[in-house]
Amino acid sequence: MDEIYRGDGFLFTFPLRIIVRKNAGVSGILKTNHPTDGKLGIGIFSDEDLAKTFVEKNPPVGDHYEIQAVASENELLGLMIELEKKGVFYVFIDPEGVRTTWLTVAEVRNYCTTFLS
């Protein structure tokens, strides 16, 4: 199991989970807006149970979306590059209301690049 760390502590352990439109893969990733500035973001979940709970609490999501694994730093880096091209600005870590931790896509991309170099 690979892990990426940042200076102030633990960040990611692989595999991570994302929620995507059924049969669409990453191009159909579920996007949402940041509560204060409205910029687009995506949820990344640290384990399968948290992703399942999110889907269960949001029935319209469960009807049209599925959980997909992000297995490695390389996959996460590729995802961040693709999201930047699509104008996605934030990554919400284990989204759960006001306690959600968020990072910019650029920050996550930089962590991956540093980790892989």
C-alpha atoms as a PDB file:
ATOM      1  CA  MET A   1       0.000   0.000   0.000  1.00  0.00           C
ATOM      2  CA  ASP A   2       1.592   3.283  -1.133  1.00  0.00           C
ATOM      3  CA  GLU A   3       1.212   6.514   0.785  1.00  0.00           C
ATOM      4  CA  ILE A   4       1.770  10.159  -0.076  1.00  0.00           C
ATOM      5  CA  TYR A   5       2.624  12.524   2.772  1.00  0.00           C
ATOM      6  CA  ARG A   6       2.793  16.286   2.970  1.00  0.00           C
ATOM      7  CA  GLY A   7       4.752  18.357   5.470  1.00  0.00           C
ATOM      8  CA  ASP A   8       2.005  18.611   8.076  1.00  0.00           C
ATOM      9  CA  GLY A   9       0.975  14.967   8.093  1.00  0.00           C
ATOM     10  CA  PHE A  10      -0.763  12.084   6.343  1.00  0.00           C
ATOM     11  CA  LEU A  11      -2.533  12.813   3.090  1.00  0.00           C
ATOM     12  CA  PHE A  12      -3.372   9.749   0.950  1.00  0.00           C
ATOM     13  CA  THR A  13      -3.134   5.965   1.108  1.00  0.00           C
ATOM     14  CA  PHE A  14      -3.884   4.022  -2.073  1.00  0.00           C
ATOM     15  CA  PRO A  15      -6.194   2.884  -3.432  1.00  0.00           C
ATOM     16  CA  LEU A  16      -8.363   5.993  -3.220  1.00  0.00           C
ATOM     17  CA  ARG A  17     -11.945   6.087  -4.500  1.00  0.00           C
ATOM     18  CA  ILE A  18     -13.789   8.504  -6.763  1.00  0.00           C
ATOM     19  CA  ILE A  19     -17.404   8.517  -7.918  1.00  0.00           C
ATOM     20  CA  VAL A  20     -18.017   8.430 -11.664  1.00  0.00           C
ATOM     21  CA  ARG A  21     -21.048   8.182 -13.934  1.00  0.00           C
ATOM     22  CA  LYS A  22     -21.765   4.529 -14.723  1.00  0.00           C
ATOM     23  CA  ASN A  23     -19.880   3.329 -17.805  1.00  0.00           C
ATOM     24  CA  ALA A  24     -18.249   6.747 -18.329  1.00  0.00           C
ATOM     25  CA  GLY A  25     -15.024   6.395 -16.352  1.00  0.00           C
ATOM     26  CA  VAL A  26     -13.057   9.477 -15.354  1.00  0.00           C
ATOM     27  CA  SER A  27     -14.725  11.646 -18.002  1.00  0.00           C
ATOM     28  CA  GLY A  28     -17.945  11.226 -16.009  1.00  0.00           C
ATOM     29  CA  ILE A  29     -16.523  12.062 -12.579  1.00  0.00           C
ATOM     30  CA  LEU A  30     -19.019  13.542 -10.120  1.00  0.00           C
ATOM     31  CA  LYS A  31     -18.330  17.251  -9.656  1.00  0.00           C
ATOM     32  CA  THR A  32     -19.657  19.674  -7.080  1.00  0.00           C
ATOM     33  CA  ASN A  33     -19.099  23.303  -6.117  1.00  0.00           C
ATOM     34  CA  HIS A  34     -17.060  24.656  -3.216  1.00  0.00           C
ATOM     35  CA  PRO A  35     -19.443  26.151  -0.631  1.00  0.00           C
ATOM     36  CA  THR A  36     -17.735  29.545  -0.393  1.00  0.00           C
ATOM     37  CA  ASP A  37     -16.382  30.436  -3.828  1.00  0.00           C
ATOM     38  CA  GLY A  38     -18.447  28.149  -6.075  1.00  0.00           C
ATOM     39  CA  LYS A  39     -15.456  26.723  -7.971  1.00  0.00           C
ATOM     40  CA  LEU A  40     -15.744  23.121  -9.182  1.00  0.00           C
ATOM     41  CA  GLY A  41     -14.351  20.263  -7.129  1.00  0.00           C
ATOM     42  CA  ILE A  42     -14.425  16.483  -6.912  1.00  0.00           C
ATOM     43  CA  GLY A  43     -14.617  14.155  -3.946  1.00  0.00           C
ATOM     44  CA  ILE A  44     -11.837  11.694  -3.228  1.00  0.00           C
ATOM     45  CA  PHE A  45     -12.481   9.048  -0.618  1.00  0.00           C
ATOM     46  CA  SER A  46      -9.828   7.363   1.507  1.00  0.00           C
ATOM     47  CA  ASP A  47     -11.708   4.056   1.641  1.00  0.00           C
ATOM     48  CA  GLU A  48     -14.557   2.122   0.063  1.00  0.00           C
ATOM     49  CA  ASP A  49     -16.879   2.471   3.076  1.00  0.00           C
ATOM     50  CA  LEU A  50     -16.752   6.279   3.040  1.00  0.00           C
ATOM     51  CA  ALA A  51     -17.489   6.333  -0.687  1.00  0.00           C
ATOM     52  CA  LYS A  52     -20.401   3.897  -0.231  1.00  0.00           C
ATOM     53  CA  THR A  53     -21.817   5.991   2.616  1.00  0.00           C
ATOM     54  CA  PHE A  54     -21.666   9.099   0.439  1.00  0.00           C
ATOM     55  CA  VAL A  55     -23.515   7.319  -2.379  1.00  0.00           C
ATOM     56  CA  GLU A  56     -26.135   5.926   0.036  1.00  0.00           C
ATOM     57  CA  LYS A  57     -26.795   9.371   1.559  1.00  0.00           C
ATOM     58  CA  ASN A  58     -27.296  10.863  -1.912  1.00  0.00           C
ATOM     59  CA  PRO A  59     -29.780   8.565  -3.704  1.00  0.00           C
ATOM     60  CA  PRO A  60     -29.711  10.400  -7.060  1.00  0.00           C
ATOM     61  CA  VAL A  61     -25.943   9.778  -7.121  1.00  0.00           C
ATOM     62  CA  GLY A  62     -26.366   6.071  -6.437  1.00  0.00           C
ATOM     63  CA  ASP A  63     -28.775   5.687  -9.331  1.00  0.00           C
ATOM     64  CA  HIS A  64     -26.385   7.035 -11.945  1.00  0.00           C
ATOM     65  CA  TYR A  65     -22.876   6.779 -10.506  1.00  0.00           C
ATOM     66  CA  GLU A  66     -20.470   4.103  -9.286  1.00  0.00           C
ATOM     67  CA  ILE A  67     -17.306   3.956  -7.205  1.00  0.00           C
ATOM     68  CA  GLN A  68     -14.003   3.634  -9.041  1.00  0.00           C
ATOM     69  CA  ALA A  69     -10.554   3.023  -7.558  1.00  0.00           C
ATOM     70  CA  VAL A  70      -7.518   5.246  -8.100  1.00  0.00           C
ATOM     71  CA  ALA A  71      -4.799   2.694  -7.472  1.00  0.00           C
ATOM     72  CA  SER A  72      -1.529   4.632  -7.548  1.00  0.00           C
ATOM     73  CA  GLU A  73       0.274   7.953  -7.513  1.00  0.00           C
ATOM     74  CA  ASN A  74       0.575   7.771 -11.313  1.00  0.00           C
ATOM     75  CA  GLU A  75      -3.186   7.349 -11.702  1.00  0.00           C
ATOM     76  CA  LEU A  76      -3.854  10.200  -9.279  1.00  0.00           C
ATOM     77  CA  LEU A  77      -1.409  12.451 -11.146  1.00  0.00           C
ATOM     78  CA  GLY A  78      -3.101  11.644 -14.476  1.00  0.00           C
ATOM     79  CA  LEU A  79      -6.494  12.373 -12.931  1.00  0.00           C
ATOM     80  CA  MET A  80      -5.309  15.744 -11.578  1.00  0.00           C
ATOM     81  CA  ILE A  81      -3.900  16.743 -14.979  1.00  0.00           C
ATOM     82  CA  GLU A  82      -7.199  15.821 -16.659  1.00  0.00           C
ATOM     83  CA  LEU A  83      -9.238  17.695 -14.033  1.00  0.00           C
ATOM     84  CA  GLU A  84      -7.151  20.851 -14.461  1.00  0.00           C
ATOM     85  CA  LYS A  85      -7.878  20.766 -18.196  1.00  0.00           C
ATOM     86  CA  LYS A  86     -11.617  20.565 -17.408  1.00  0.00           C
ATOM     87  CA  GLY A  87     -11.533  23.562 -15.048  1.00  0.00           C
ATOM     88  CA  VAL A  88     -11.889  21.595 -11.800  1.00  0.00           C
ATOM     89  CA  PHE A  89     -10.189  23.545  -9.015  1.00  0.00           C
ATOM     90  CA  TYR A  90     -10.665  21.580  -5.768  1.00  0.00           C
ATOM     91  CA  VAL A  91     -10.296  18.084  -4.367  1.00  0.00           C
ATOM     92  CA  PHE A  92     -12.581  17.407  -1.387  1.00  0.00           C
ATOM     93  CA  ILE A  93     -11.145  14.698   0.874  1.00  0.00           C
ATOM     94  CA  ASP A  94     -13.819  12.374   2.294  1.00  0.00           C
ATOM     95  CA  PRO A  95     -16.559  14.989   1.753  1.00  0.00           C
ATOM     96  CA  GLU A  96     -18.883  15.178   4.735  1.00  0.00           C
ATOM     97  CA  GLY A  97     -20.444  18.601   5.171  1.00  0.00           C
ATOM     98  CA  VAL A  98     -18.646  21.453   6.887  1.00  0.00           C
ATOM     99  CA  ARG A  99     -15.803  19.277   8.215  1.00  0.00           C
ATOM    100  CA  THR A 100     -14.571  18.399   4.730  1.00  0.00           C
ATOM    101  CA  THR A 101     -10.870  18.906   4.054  1.00  0.00           C
ATOM    102  CA  TRP A 102     -10.091  20.383   0.655  1.00  0.00           C
ATOM    103  CA  LEU A 103      -6.990  20.988  -1.416  1.00  0.00           C
ATOM    104  CA  THR A 104      -6.544  22.517  -4.830  1.00  0.00           C
ATOM    105  CA  VAL A 105      -6.053  20.202  -7.786  1.00  0.00           C
ATOM    106  CA  ALA A 106      -2.698  21.928  -8.352  1.00  0.00           C
ATOM    107  CA  GLU A 107      -1.593  21.081  -4.789  1.00  0.00           C
ATOM    108  CA  VAL A 108      -2.449  17.408  -5.239  1.00  0.00           C
ATOM    109  CA  ARG A 109      -0.732  17.362  -8.650  1.00  0.00           C
ATOM    110  CA  ASN A 110       2.385  18.898  -7.070  1.00  0.00           C
ATOM    111  CA  TYR A 111       2.378  16.332  -4.226  1.00  0.00           C
ATOM    112  CA  CYS A 112       2.166  13.511  -6.777  1.00  0.00           C
ATOM    113  CA  THR A 113       4.939  14.983  -8.919  1.00  0.00           C
ATOM    114  CA  THR A 114       7.200  15.420  -5.884  1.00  0.00           C
ATOM    115  CA  PHE A 115       6.442  11.924  -4.616  1.00  0.00           C
ATOM    116  CA  LEU A 116       7.133  10.335  -8.001  1.00  0.00           C
ATOM    117  CA  SER A 117      10.412  12.196  -8.603  1.00  0.00           C
END
